[in-house]
Amino acid sequence: MDAKEVIARRVAQEVREGMLVNLGIGLPSMVANFVPDDMHVFFQAENGVIGLGQRPPDGMEDRDLTDAGGGFVTAVPGAASIDSAMSFGLIRGGHLDMTVLGGLQVDEKGHLANWMVPGKMVPGMGGAMDLVSGARRVIVAMVHAAKGDPKIVPECTLPLTALRRVSLIVTEMAVIEPTDEGLALRERGPGVAVDDILAATAARLIVPDEVPEMVLA
């Protein structure tokens, strides 16, 4: 499986029965594909959908049913379409159990930068700032490096999304938990050695004596 599938499968293991979960655009939206069919979870998108399902088969797309990034989705039984005010009321009111967001950088303090690159066109900040501030858990789902440059860094050089520390970072190489002491390495990616993770990470990692390998369904 490719890097994005590894990440999405691992993040799906953080989803629990009965949760209300926001999925960001791009890679995070893949998480819905790997949640067990018998698990009752409502995925939310800030454009006003509660009850997102998997991406539809080719040819079965509905132009009226998309996620916040315009990607085609399906709806599960019991899904609801709501307006933007209610959608952001859920986010800002602390009603989301978890959000899964992509990332450009995460630093040693657990700060996320994911909404803009200076000097490049920014169509809008979307709901990222509200999500990082309002969701009970914030999981960053991203590839470990971009064109060879580490994305887990000592200090973010890109504008921060929020000052709140994220809950978990999941890449194809590692599961990392930001703590009061720093970034703690919790799991290794499939076939990945600890030394490989350290070489691909610019930030300091707290490494226990034993680091288990991810178990992917």
N, C-alpha and C. Protein backbone atom coordinates (compact mmCIF):
# COMPACT_ATOMS: atom_id res chain seq x y z
N MET A 1 0.84 -1.20 0.00
CA MET A 1 0.00 0.00 0.00
C MET A 1 0.88 1.25 0.00
N ASP A 2 0.38 2.34 -0.56
CA ASP A 2 1.19 3.56 -0.63
C ASP A 2 1.13 4.32 0.69
N ALA A 3 1.92 5.39 0.77
CA ALA A 3 2.07 6.14 2.01
C ALA A 3 0.73 6.68 2.52
N LYS A 4 -0.09 7.21 1.62
CA LYS A 4 -1.35 7.80 2.05
C LYS A 4 -2.30 6.75 2.62
N GLU A 5 -2.30 5.57 2.04
CA GLU A 5 -3.17 4.52 2.56
C GLU A 5 -2.70 4.06 3.93
N VAL A 6 -1.39 3.94 4.11
CA VAL A 6 -0.85 3.58 5.43
C VAL A 6 -1.34 4.58 6.48
N ILE A 7 -1.23 5.86 6.16
CA ILE A 7 -1.63 6.91 7.10
C ILE A 7 -3.12 6.83 7.40
N ALA A 8 -3.94 6.74 6.34
CA ALA A 8 -5.39 6.72 6.53
C ALA A 8 -5.84 5.50 7.33
N ARG A 9 -5.23 4.34 7.06
CA ARG A 9 -5.59 3.13 7.80
C ARG A 9 -5.23 3.27 9.28
N ARG A 10 -4.08 3.87 9.55
CA ARG A 10 -3.67 4.02 10.96
C ARG A 10 -4.55 5.04 11.68
N VAL A 11 -4.87 6.13 11.03
CA VAL A 11 -5.74 7.14 11.66
C VAL A 11 -7.12 6.55 11.93
N ALA A 12 -7.61 5.70 11.04
CA ALA A 12 -8.94 5.11 11.23
C ALA A 12 -9.02 4.34 12.54
N GLN A 13 -7.89 3.85 13.04
CA GLN A 13 -7.89 3.12 14.31
C GLN A 13 -8.16 4.03 15.51
N GLU A 14 -8.05 5.33 15.31
CA GLU A 14 -8.32 6.29 16.39
C GLU A 14 -9.81 6.62 16.51
N VAL A 15 -10.58 6.21 15.51
CA VAL A 15 -12.01 6.50 15.49
C VAL A 15 -12.74 5.50 16.39
N ARG A 16 -13.67 6.00 17.18
CA ARG A 16 -14.41 5.16 18.11
C ARG A 16 -15.92 5.24 17.84
N GLU A 17 -16.61 4.22 18.28
CA GLU A 17 -18.06 4.14 18.14
C GLU A 17 -18.74 5.41 18.67
N GLY A 18 -19.68 5.94 17.88
CA GLY A 18 -20.49 7.07 18.32
C GLY A 18 -19.84 8.43 18.17
N MET A 19 -18.62 8.50 17.64
CA MET A 19 -17.93 9.79 17.51
C MET A 19 -18.54 10.67 16.42
N LEU A 20 -18.38 11.98 16.61
CA LEU A 20 -18.60 12.97 15.56
C LEU A 20 -17.22 13.47 15.16
N VAL A 21 -16.83 13.18 13.93
CA VAL A 21 -15.45 13.40 13.48
C VAL A 21 -15.42 14.26 12.23
N ASN A 22 -14.62 15.30 12.25
CA ASN A 22 -14.41 16.12 11.06
C ASN A 22 -13.22 15.58 10.28
N LEU A 23 -13.38 15.43 8.97
CA LEU A 23 -12.29 15.03 8.10
C LEU A 23 -11.91 16.19 7.19
N GLY A 24 -10.64 16.58 7.23
CA GLY A 24 -10.16 17.63 6.34
C GLY A 24 -10.09 17.14 4.91
N ILE A 25 -9.77 18.05 4.00
CA ILE A 25 -9.73 17.71 2.59
C ILE A 25 -8.44 16.95 2.26
N GLY A 26 -8.47 16.25 1.14
CA GLY A 26 -7.28 15.52 0.71
C GLY A 26 -7.11 14.22 1.47
N LEU A 27 -5.90 13.95 1.92
CA LEU A 27 -5.58 12.70 2.60
C LEU A 27 -6.54 12.37 3.75
N PRO A 28 -6.87 13.32 4.65
CA PRO A 28 -7.77 12.97 5.76
C PRO A 28 -9.11 12.39 5.32
N SER A 29 -9.60 12.80 4.15
CA SER A 29 -10.90 12.29 3.70
C SER A 29 -10.86 10.79 3.42
N MET A 30 -9.66 10.22 3.23
CA MET A 30 -9.53 8.78 2.98
C MET A 30 -9.83 7.94 4.21
N VAL A 31 -9.80 8.55 5.39
CA VAL A 31 -10.00 7.80 6.64
C VAL A 31 -11.35 7.09 6.64
N ALA A 32 -12.37 7.70 6.07
CA ALA A 32 -13.71 7.09 6.05
C ALA A 32 -13.72 5.75 5.33
N ASN A 33 -12.76 5.52 4.42
CA ASN A 33 -12.72 4.27 3.67
C ASN A 33 -12.30 3.08 4.51
N PHE A 34 -11.69 3.34 5.68
CA PHE A 34 -11.08 2.26 6.45
C PHE A 34 -11.68 2.08 7.84
N VAL A 35 -12.81 2.70 8.08
CA VAL A 35 -13.54 2.49 9.33
C VAL A 35 -14.46 1.29 9.13
N PRO A 36 -14.52 0.34 10.07
CA PRO A 36 -15.37 -0.84 9.90
C PRO A 36 -16.81 -0.47 9.56
N ASP A 37 -17.42 -1.25 8.67
CA ASP A 37 -18.77 -0.96 8.22
C ASP A 37 -19.79 -0.99 9.34
N ASP A 38 -19.52 -1.79 10.39
CA ASP A 38 -20.48 -1.91 11.48
C ASP A 38 -20.26 -0.90 12.60
N MET A 39 -19.30 0.02 12.40
CA MET A 39 -19.06 1.05 13.40
C MET A 39 -19.93 2.27 13.08
N HIS A 40 -20.67 2.73 14.08
CA HIS A 40 -21.58 3.86 13.88
C HIS A 40 -20.84 5.16 14.23
N VAL A 41 -20.40 5.85 13.18
CA VAL A 41 -19.64 7.10 13.32
C VAL A 41 -20.21 8.10 12.33
N PHE A 42 -20.29 9.36 12.73
CA PHE A 42 -20.71 10.40 11.81
C PHE A 42 -19.52 11.30 11.48
N PHE A 43 -19.16 11.30 10.20
CA PHE A 43 -18.10 12.18 9.72
C PHE A 43 -18.72 13.49 9.25
N GLN A 44 -18.08 14.59 9.63
CA GLN A 44 -18.59 15.92 9.33
C GLN A 44 -17.64 16.69 8.45
N ALA A 45 -18.18 17.48 7.56
CA ALA A 45 -17.38 18.42 6.77
C ALA A 45 -17.94 19.81 6.99
N GLU A 46 -17.05 20.80 7.08
CA GLU A 46 -17.52 22.13 7.47
C GLU A 46 -18.39 22.82 6.44
N ASN A 47 -18.46 22.27 5.22
CA ASN A 47 -19.38 22.86 4.24
C ASN A 47 -20.83 22.51 4.53
N GLY A 48 -21.09 21.64 5.52
CA GLY A 48 -22.47 21.42 5.94
C GLY A 48 -23.01 20.03 5.73
N VAL A 49 -22.17 19.02 5.91
CA VAL A 49 -22.62 17.63 5.80
C VAL A 49 -22.24 16.89 7.08
N ILE A 50 -23.19 16.17 7.65
CA ILE A 50 -22.90 15.25 8.75
C ILE A 50 -23.33 13.87 8.29
N GLY A 51 -22.39 12.94 8.28
CA GLY A 51 -22.71 11.61 7.81
C GLY A 51 -22.03 11.28 6.49
N LEU A 52 -20.80 11.75 6.33
CA LEU A 52 -20.05 11.44 5.12
C LEU A 52 -19.72 9.95 5.06
N GLY A 53 -19.80 9.38 3.87
CA GLY A 53 -19.38 8.01 3.66
C GLY A 53 -18.14 7.95 2.79
N GLN A 54 -17.89 6.80 2.22
CA GLN A 54 -16.72 6.62 1.38
C GLN A 54 -16.90 7.34 0.05
N ARG A 55 -15.79 7.49 -0.67
CA ARG A 55 -15.86 8.06 -2.01
C ARG A 55 -16.71 7.14 -2.88
N PRO A 56 -17.60 7.70 -3.72
CA PRO A 56 -18.44 6.85 -4.56
C PRO A 56 -17.65 6.18 -5.68
N PRO A 57 -18.14 5.05 -6.20
CA PRO A 57 -17.49 4.42 -7.36
C PRO A 57 -17.52 5.36 -8.56
N ASP A 58 -16.57 5.22 -9.44
CA ASP A 58 -16.54 6.04 -10.65
C ASP A 58 -17.87 5.92 -11.40
N GLY A 59 -18.40 7.08 -11.79
CA GLY A 59 -19.66 7.11 -12.50
C GLY A 59 -20.87 7.27 -11.61
N MET A 60 -20.67 7.17 -10.28
CA MET A 60 -21.79 7.28 -9.35
C MET A 60 -21.73 8.57 -8.53
N GLU A 61 -20.94 9.53 -8.97
CA GLU A 61 -20.78 10.78 -8.24
C GLU A 61 -22.06 11.62 -8.31
N ASP A 62 -22.34 12.32 -7.22
CA ASP A 62 -23.47 13.24 -7.13
C ASP A 62 -22.90 14.64 -6.91
N ARG A 63 -23.16 15.55 -7.84
CA ARG A 63 -22.58 16.90 -7.75
C ARG A 63 -23.07 17.67 -6.53
N ASP A 64 -24.17 17.24 -5.95
CA ASP A 64 -24.69 17.93 -4.77
C ASP A 64 -24.15 17.34 -3.47
N LEU A 65 -23.28 16.35 -3.58
CA LEU A 65 -22.78 15.69 -2.38
C LEU A 65 -21.26 15.67 -2.40
N THR A 66 -20.66 16.68 -1.75
CA THR A 66 -19.20 16.83 -1.75
C THR A 66 -18.71 17.16 -0.35
N ASP A 67 -17.40 16.96 -0.15
CA ASP A 67 -16.79 17.41 1.11
C ASP A 67 -16.39 18.87 0.99
N ALA A 68 -15.70 19.39 2.00
CA ALA A 68 -15.36 20.81 2.04
C ALA A 68 -14.41 21.22 0.92
N GLY A 69 -13.68 20.26 0.37
CA GLY A 69 -12.76 20.56 -0.72
C GLY A 69 -13.34 20.33 -2.09
N GLY A 70 -14.62 19.97 -2.16
CA GLY A 70 -15.27 19.73 -3.44
C GLY A 70 -15.12 18.30 -3.93
N GLY A 71 -14.52 17.42 -3.13
CA GLY A 71 -14.39 16.02 -3.52
C GLY A 71 -15.70 15.28 -3.34
N PHE A 72 -15.98 14.36 -4.25
CA PHE A 72 -17.23 13.62 -4.18
C PHE A 72 -17.22 12.63 -3.01
N VAL A 73 -18.35 12.55 -2.32
CA VAL A 73 -18.51 11.64 -1.19
C VAL A 73 -19.86 10.95 -1.29
N THR A 74 -20.09 10.00 -0.41
CA THR A 74 -21.40 9.40 -0.26
C THR A 74 -21.95 9.80 1.11
N ALA A 75 -23.21 9.48 1.33
CA ALA A 75 -23.84 9.77 2.62
C ALA A 75 -24.34 8.47 3.23
N VAL A 76 -24.15 8.31 4.54
CA VAL A 76 -24.61 7.11 5.22
C VAL A 76 -26.05 7.31 5.66
N PRO A 77 -26.79 6.23 5.95
CA PRO A 77 -28.15 6.38 6.47
C PRO A 77 -28.18 7.27 7.71
N GLY A 78 -29.09 8.24 7.72
CA GLY A 78 -29.17 9.17 8.83
C GLY A 78 -28.37 10.43 8.64
N ALA A 79 -27.71 10.56 7.50
CA ALA A 79 -26.90 11.76 7.23
C ALA A 79 -27.80 12.99 7.13
N ALA A 80 -27.19 14.15 7.39
CA ALA A 80 -27.93 15.41 7.37
C ALA A 80 -27.15 16.48 6.63
N SER A 81 -27.88 17.34 5.95
CA SER A 81 -27.30 18.52 5.33
C SER A 81 -27.69 19.73 6.17
N ILE A 82 -26.69 20.51 6.59
CA ILE A 82 -26.94 21.65 7.46
C ILE A 82 -26.30 22.89 6.86
N ASP A 83 -26.66 24.05 7.39
CA ASP A 83 -26.07 25.27 6.85
C ASP A 83 -24.71 25.53 7.51
N SER A 84 -23.98 26.49 6.97
CA SER A 84 -22.62 26.77 7.44
C SER A 84 -22.61 27.26 8.88
N ALA A 85 -23.63 28.02 9.26
CA ALA A 85 -23.68 28.54 10.63
C ALA A 85 -23.77 27.41 11.65
N MET A 86 -24.62 26.42 11.37
CA MET A 86 -24.72 25.30 12.30
C MET A 86 -23.45 24.45 12.27
N SER A 87 -22.88 24.28 11.09
CA SER A 87 -21.67 23.48 10.96
C SER A 87 -20.55 24.07 11.81
N PHE A 88 -20.35 25.38 11.73
CA PHE A 88 -19.29 26.01 12.51
C PHE A 88 -19.69 26.17 13.97
N GLY A 89 -20.99 26.16 14.25
CA GLY A 89 -21.43 26.14 15.63
C GLY A 89 -21.02 24.84 16.32
N LEU A 90 -21.10 23.73 15.59
CA LEU A 90 -20.65 22.45 16.13
C LEU A 90 -19.16 22.49 16.41
N ILE A 91 -18.40 23.07 15.48
CA ILE A 91 -16.95 23.12 15.61
C ILE A 91 -16.54 24.05 16.76
N ARG A 92 -17.04 25.26 16.73
CA ARG A 92 -16.63 26.26 17.73
C ARG A 92 -17.23 25.98 19.10
N GLY A 93 -18.32 25.23 19.13
CA GLY A 93 -18.97 24.94 20.40
C GLY A 93 -18.37 23.75 21.14
N GLY A 94 -17.34 23.14 20.56
CA GLY A 94 -16.67 22.03 21.23
C GLY A 94 -17.42 20.71 21.12
N HIS A 95 -18.25 20.55 20.09
CA HIS A 95 -19.06 19.34 19.95
C HIS A 95 -18.37 18.24 19.14
N LEU A 96 -17.28 18.56 18.46
CA LEU A 96 -16.57 17.55 17.67
C LEU A 96 -15.68 16.71 18.57
N ASP A 97 -15.81 15.40 18.46
CA ASP A 97 -14.93 14.51 19.23
C ASP A 97 -13.51 14.53 18.69
N MET A 98 -13.39 14.68 17.38
CA MET A 98 -12.06 14.61 16.78
C MET A 98 -12.07 15.26 15.40
N THR A 99 -10.93 15.83 15.02
CA THR A 99 -10.74 16.29 13.65
C THR A 99 -9.45 15.69 13.12
N VAL A 100 -9.45 15.37 11.83
CA VAL A 100 -8.27 14.86 11.15
C VAL A 100 -7.90 15.87 10.07
N LEU A 101 -6.69 16.43 10.18
CA LEU A 101 -6.27 17.49 9.27
C LEU A 101 -4.93 17.16 8.63
N GLY A 102 -4.73 17.67 7.43
CA GLY A 102 -3.42 17.58 6.81
C GLY A 102 -2.49 18.60 7.44
N GLY A 103 -1.20 18.49 7.13
CA GLY A 103 -0.23 19.42 7.71
C GLY A 103 0.88 19.77 6.75
N LEU A 104 1.37 20.99 6.87
CA LEU A 104 2.58 21.42 6.16
C LEU A 104 3.79 21.28 7.07
N GLN A 105 3.60 21.62 8.35
CA GLN A 105 4.64 21.47 9.35
C GLN A 105 4.00 21.23 10.72
N VAL A 106 4.70 20.49 11.57
CA VAL A 106 4.38 20.40 13.00
C VAL A 106 5.70 20.54 13.74
N ASP A 107 5.70 21.33 14.83
CA ASP A 107 6.97 21.56 15.53
C ASP A 107 7.03 20.82 16.86
N GLU A 108 8.15 21.01 17.58
CA GLU A 108 8.40 20.27 18.82
C GLU A 108 7.38 20.58 19.91
N LYS A 109 6.70 21.71 19.81
CA LYS A 109 5.67 22.04 20.79
C LYS A 109 4.31 21.48 20.40
N GLY A 110 4.26 20.81 19.26
CA GLY A 110 2.99 20.27 18.79
C GLY A 110 2.14 21.27 18.05
N HIS A 111 2.74 22.39 17.66
CA HIS A 111 2.01 23.41 16.90
C HIS A 111 1.91 23.00 15.43
N LEU A 112 0.75 23.22 14.84
CA LEU A 112 0.49 22.87 13.45
C LEU A 112 0.49 24.10 12.56
N ALA A 113 1.11 23.98 11.40
CA ALA A 113 1.00 24.98 10.33
C ALA A 113 0.44 24.26 9.11
N ASN A 114 -0.76 24.67 8.68
CA ASN A 114 -1.34 23.95 7.54
C ASN A 114 -2.25 24.79 6.65
N TRP A 115 -2.26 26.12 6.84
CA TRP A 115 -3.27 26.85 6.09
C TRP A 115 -2.71 27.77 5.01
N MET A 116 -1.42 28.07 5.04
CA MET A 116 -0.90 28.92 3.96
C MET A 116 0.60 28.81 3.85
N VAL A 117 1.09 29.09 2.64
CA VAL A 117 2.52 29.25 2.37
C VAL A 117 2.71 30.68 1.90
N PRO A 118 3.49 31.49 2.62
CA PRO A 118 3.67 32.90 2.23
C PRO A 118 4.14 33.03 0.79
N GLY A 119 3.53 33.99 0.10
CA GLY A 119 3.91 34.24 -1.29
C GLY A 119 3.12 33.45 -2.29
N LYS A 120 2.28 32.52 -1.83
CA LYS A 120 1.46 31.73 -2.73
C LYS A 120 0.00 32.08 -2.53
N MET A 121 -0.80 31.86 -3.58
CA MET A 121 -2.21 32.21 -3.52
C MET A 121 -2.91 31.41 -2.42
N VAL A 122 -3.69 32.09 -1.62
CA VAL A 122 -4.44 31.45 -0.55
C VAL A 122 -5.92 31.66 -0.83
N PRO A 123 -6.63 30.63 -1.27
CA PRO A 123 -8.05 30.81 -1.58
C PRO A 123 -8.90 31.10 -0.35
N GLY A 124 -8.40 30.77 0.83
CA GLY A 124 -9.12 31.00 2.09
C GLY A 124 -8.59 30.07 3.15
N MET A 125 -8.75 30.44 4.41
CA MET A 125 -8.22 29.62 5.49
C MET A 125 -9.11 28.43 5.79
N GLY A 126 -10.34 28.43 5.26
CA GLY A 126 -11.23 27.31 5.54
C GLY A 126 -11.55 27.24 7.02
N GLY A 127 -11.74 26.03 7.52
CA GLY A 127 -12.11 25.88 8.92
C GLY A 127 -10.98 25.42 9.81
N ALA A 128 -9.75 25.41 9.27
CA ALA A 128 -8.64 24.81 10.02
C ALA A 128 -8.42 25.46 11.38
N MET A 129 -8.44 26.77 11.46
CA MET A 129 -8.19 27.45 12.73
C MET A 129 -9.27 27.11 13.76
N ASP A 130 -10.52 27.09 13.31
CA ASP A 130 -11.62 26.74 14.21
C ASP A 130 -11.51 25.29 14.66
N LEU A 131 -11.13 24.41 13.74
CA LEU A 131 -11.05 22.98 14.06
C LEU A 131 -9.95 22.69 15.08
N VAL A 132 -8.78 23.26 14.88
CA VAL A 132 -7.68 23.01 15.82
C VAL A 132 -8.02 23.57 17.20
N SER A 133 -8.76 24.66 17.23
CA SER A 133 -9.12 25.28 18.51
C SER A 133 -10.30 24.59 19.18
N GLY A 134 -11.23 24.03 18.37
CA GLY A 134 -12.49 23.58 18.93
C GLY A 134 -12.68 22.09 19.12
N ALA A 135 -12.01 21.25 18.31
CA ALA A 135 -12.22 19.80 18.42
C ALA A 135 -11.55 19.25 19.68
N ARG A 136 -12.12 18.20 20.25
CA ARG A 136 -11.56 17.63 21.47
C ARG A 136 -10.21 16.97 21.21
N ARG A 137 -10.07 16.29 20.07
CA ARG A 137 -8.78 15.71 19.67
C ARG A 137 -8.45 16.21 18.26
N VAL A 138 -7.18 16.50 18.05
CA VAL A 138 -6.71 16.97 16.74
C VAL A 138 -5.63 16.02 16.25
N ILE A 139 -5.89 15.32 15.17
CA ILE A 139 -4.92 14.39 14.60
C ILE A 139 -4.42 14.95 13.28
N VAL A 140 -3.11 15.02 13.14
CA VAL A 140 -2.50 15.48 11.90
C VAL A 140 -2.11 14.26 11.08
N ALA A 141 -2.64 14.18 9.87
CA ALA A 141 -2.35 13.08 8.95
C ALA A 141 -1.58 13.65 7.77
N MET A 142 -0.30 13.32 7.67
CA MET A 142 0.52 13.89 6.61
C MET A 142 1.71 12.98 6.29
N VAL A 143 2.25 13.11 5.09
CA VAL A 143 3.47 12.38 4.77
C VAL A 143 4.61 12.98 5.58
N HIS A 144 5.62 12.17 5.85
CA HIS A 144 6.66 12.56 6.80
C HIS A 144 7.56 13.68 6.28
N ALA A 145 7.78 13.71 4.98
CA ALA A 145 8.65 14.73 4.39
C ALA A 145 8.09 15.16 3.05
N ALA A 146 8.43 16.37 2.63
CA ALA A 146 7.99 16.91 1.35
C ALA A 146 9.21 17.19 0.49
N LYS A 147 9.37 16.42 -0.59
CA LYS A 147 10.51 16.58 -1.50
C LYS A 147 11.83 16.50 -0.73
N GLY A 148 11.86 15.60 0.24
CA GLY A 148 13.08 15.40 1.02
C GLY A 148 13.24 16.31 2.21
N ASP A 149 12.38 17.31 2.34
CA ASP A 149 12.46 18.24 3.48
C ASP A 149 11.57 17.77 4.62
N PRO A 150 12.11 17.65 5.83
CA PRO A 150 11.29 17.21 6.96
C PRO A 150 10.11 18.15 7.21
N LYS A 151 8.98 17.58 7.58
CA LYS A 151 7.80 18.36 7.93
C LYS A 151 7.59 18.43 9.43
N ILE A 152 8.34 17.62 10.18
CA ILE A 152 8.31 17.68 11.64
C ILE A 152 9.60 18.37 12.06
N VAL A 153 9.46 19.60 12.54
CA VAL A 153 10.59 20.52 12.65
C VAL A 153 10.72 21.07 14.08
N PRO A 154 11.90 21.63 14.41
CA PRO A 154 12.06 22.22 15.76
C PRO A 154 11.06 23.36 16.01
N GLU A 155 10.88 24.20 15.00
CA GLU A 155 9.93 25.32 15.12
C GLU A 155 9.36 25.60 13.74
N CYS A 156 8.06 25.79 13.67
CA CYS A 156 7.41 26.04 12.39
C CYS A 156 7.92 27.35 11.78
N THR A 157 8.24 27.31 10.50
CA THR A 157 8.62 28.52 9.77
C THR A 157 7.44 29.06 8.98
N LEU A 158 6.38 28.30 8.87
CA LEU A 158 5.16 28.74 8.20
C LEU A 158 4.18 29.26 9.25
N PRO A 159 3.22 30.10 8.85
CA PRO A 159 2.26 30.65 9.81
C PRO A 159 1.48 29.55 10.53
N LEU A 160 1.40 29.67 11.86
CA LEU A 160 0.70 28.66 12.66
C LEU A 160 -0.81 28.72 12.41
N THR A 161 -1.42 27.55 12.48
CA THR A 161 -2.87 27.47 12.37
C THR A 161 -3.52 27.85 13.70
N ALA A 162 -2.91 27.44 14.80
CA ALA A 162 -3.41 27.76 16.14
C ALA A 162 -2.27 27.56 17.13
N LEU A 163 -2.44 28.09 18.33
CA LEU A 163 -1.44 27.93 19.38
C LEU A 163 -1.68 26.68 20.22
N ARG A 164 -2.78 26.00 19.98
CA ARG A 164 -3.08 24.78 20.73
C ARG A 164 -2.23 23.61 20.23
N ARG A 165 -1.78 22.79 21.12
CA ARG A 165 -1.00 21.60 20.77
C ARG A 165 -1.92 20.54 20.17
N VAL A 166 -1.49 19.92 19.07
CA VAL A 166 -2.28 18.84 18.48
C VAL A 166 -2.14 17.58 19.33
N SER A 167 -3.05 16.63 19.11
CA SER A 167 -3.10 15.43 19.95
C SER A 167 -2.19 14.32 19.45
N LEU A 168 -2.07 14.18 18.12
CA LEU A 168 -1.33 13.06 17.54
C LEU A 168 -0.90 13.42 16.13
N ILE A 169 0.28 12.91 15.73
CA ILE A 169 0.77 13.06 14.37
C ILE A 169 0.94 11.66 13.79
N VAL A 170 0.32 11.43 12.63
CA VAL A 170 0.43 10.13 11.98
C VAL A 170 1.00 10.33 10.58
N THR A 171 2.15 9.71 10.33
CA THR A 171 2.75 9.72 8.99
C THR A 171 2.92 8.27 8.55
N GLU A 172 3.42 8.08 7.33
CA GLU A 172 3.67 6.72 6.87
C GLU A 172 4.86 6.08 7.59
N MET A 173 5.66 6.91 8.28
CA MET A 173 6.84 6.41 8.97
C MET A 173 6.65 6.23 10.46
N ALA A 174 5.71 6.99 11.05
CA ALA A 174 5.65 7.00 12.51
C ALA A 174 4.33 7.53 13.04
N VAL A 175 4.03 7.15 14.27
CA VAL A 175 2.99 7.78 15.08
C VAL A 175 3.71 8.51 16.20
N ILE A 176 3.47 9.80 16.30
CA ILE A 176 4.18 10.66 17.24
C ILE A 176 3.17 11.43 18.08
N GLU A 177 3.38 11.44 19.39
CA GLU A 177 2.47 12.14 20.29
C GLU A 177 3.16 13.35 20.92
N PRO A 178 2.65 14.55 20.69
CA PRO A 178 3.18 15.73 21.38
C PRO A 178 2.81 15.67 22.87
N THR A 179 3.79 15.87 23.72
CA THR A 179 3.58 15.83 25.18
C THR A 179 4.21 17.07 25.81
N ASP A 180 4.04 17.21 27.12
CA ASP A 180 4.67 18.32 27.83
C ASP A 180 6.19 18.27 27.71
N GLU A 181 6.74 17.08 27.59
CA GLU A 181 8.20 16.91 27.50
C GLU A 181 8.73 17.03 26.08
N GLY A 182 7.85 16.94 25.09
CA GLY A 182 8.28 17.00 23.69
C GLY A 182 7.55 15.97 22.85
N LEU A 183 8.09 15.69 21.67
CA LEU A 183 7.46 14.76 20.74
C LEU A 183 7.90 13.33 21.05
N ALA A 184 6.95 12.49 21.42
CA ALA A 184 7.25 11.11 21.81
C ALA A 184 6.93 10.16 20.66
N LEU A 185 7.88 9.35 20.27
CA LEU A 185 7.69 8.36 19.23
C LEU A 185 6.93 7.18 19.81
N ARG A 186 5.75 6.90 19.27
CA ARG A 186 4.89 5.84 19.80
C ARG A 186 4.91 4.57 18.94
N GLU A 187 4.98 4.73 17.60
CA GLU A 187 4.95 3.57 16.72
C GLU A 187 5.82 3.82 15.49
N ARG A 188 6.31 2.74 14.90
CA ARG A 188 7.05 2.80 13.64
C ARG A 188 6.12 2.38 12.50
N GLY A 189 6.36 2.94 11.32
CA GLY A 189 5.62 2.51 10.14
C GLY A 189 6.03 1.11 9.73
N PRO A 190 5.26 0.48 8.87
CA PRO A 190 5.57 -0.88 8.42
C PRO A 190 6.97 -0.98 7.80
N GLY A 191 7.83 -1.80 8.39
CA GLY A 191 9.17 -2.00 7.85
C GLY A 191 10.12 -0.85 8.07
N VAL A 192 9.74 0.13 8.89
CA VAL A 192 10.56 1.33 9.10
C VAL A 192 11.35 1.18 10.41
N ALA A 193 12.64 1.48 10.36
CA ALA A 193 13.49 1.42 11.55
C ALA A 193 13.48 2.77 12.27
N VAL A 194 13.76 2.74 13.56
CA VAL A 194 13.82 3.99 14.33
C VAL A 194 14.84 4.94 13.74
N ASP A 195 15.99 4.43 13.32
CA ASP A 195 17.02 5.30 12.73
C ASP A 195 16.52 6.00 11.48
N ASP A 196 15.68 5.33 10.69
CA ASP A 196 15.10 5.96 9.50
C ASP A 196 14.21 7.14 9.88
N ILE A 197 13.44 6.95 10.95
CA ILE A 197 12.55 8.02 11.42
C ILE A 197 13.37 9.21 11.90
N LEU A 198 14.40 8.95 12.68
CA LEU A 198 15.23 10.02 13.20
C LEU A 198 15.91 10.79 12.07
N ALA A 199 16.33 10.08 11.03
CA ALA A 199 17.01 10.73 9.90
C ALA A 199 16.06 11.61 9.10
N ALA A 200 14.77 11.27 9.11
CA ALA A 200 13.79 12.03 8.31
C ALA A 200 13.07 13.09 9.12
N THR A 201 13.46 13.26 10.39
CA THR A 201 12.79 14.19 11.29
C THR A 201 13.77 15.24 11.78
N ALA A 202 13.41 16.51 11.58
CA ALA A 202 14.30 17.59 12.02
C ALA A 202 14.13 17.89 13.51
N ALA A 203 12.94 17.64 14.03
CA ALA A 203 12.68 17.91 15.45
C ALA A 203 13.29 16.82 16.32
N ARG A 204 13.50 17.14 17.59
CA ARG A 204 13.98 16.16 18.57
C ARG A 204 12.83 15.23 18.94
N LEU A 205 13.11 13.93 18.96
CA LEU A 205 12.10 12.95 19.35
C LEU A 205 12.50 12.26 20.64
N ILE A 206 11.53 11.98 21.47
CA ILE A 206 11.73 11.16 22.66
C ILE A 206 11.48 9.71 22.24
N VAL A 207 12.51 8.89 22.32
CA VAL A 207 12.43 7.51 21.81
C VAL A 207 12.52 6.52 22.96
N PRO A 208 11.48 5.74 23.22
CA PRO A 208 11.54 4.73 24.28
C PRO A 208 12.41 3.55 23.85
N ASP A 209 12.69 2.67 24.78
CA ASP A 209 13.54 1.52 24.47
C ASP A 209 12.91 0.60 23.42
N GLU A 210 11.60 0.47 23.48
CA GLU A 210 10.90 -0.37 22.51
C GLU A 210 9.85 0.47 21.79
N VAL A 211 9.90 0.45 20.45
CA VAL A 211 8.92 1.18 19.64
C VAL A 211 8.21 0.16 18.76
N PRO A 212 6.95 -0.16 19.04
CA PRO A 212 6.25 -1.17 18.26
C PRO A 212 5.96 -0.69 16.83
N GLU A 213 5.79 -1.66 15.94
CA GLU A 213 5.43 -1.35 14.57
C GLU A 213 3.92 -1.20 14.46
N MET A 214 3.46 -0.29 13.60
CA MET A 214 2.03 -0.14 13.37
C MET A 214 1.41 -1.48 12.98
N VAL A 215 0.22 -1.72 13.49
CA VAL A 215 -0.56 -2.87 13.06
C VAL A 215 -1.74 -2.34 12.24
N LEU A 216 -1.73 -2.64 10.94
CA LEU A 216 -2.74 -2.10 10.04
C LEU A 216 -3.72 -3.18 9.65
N ALA A 217 -4.99 -2.85 9.73
CA ALA A 217 -6.03 -3.83 9.36
C ALA A 217 -6.05 -4.01 7.85
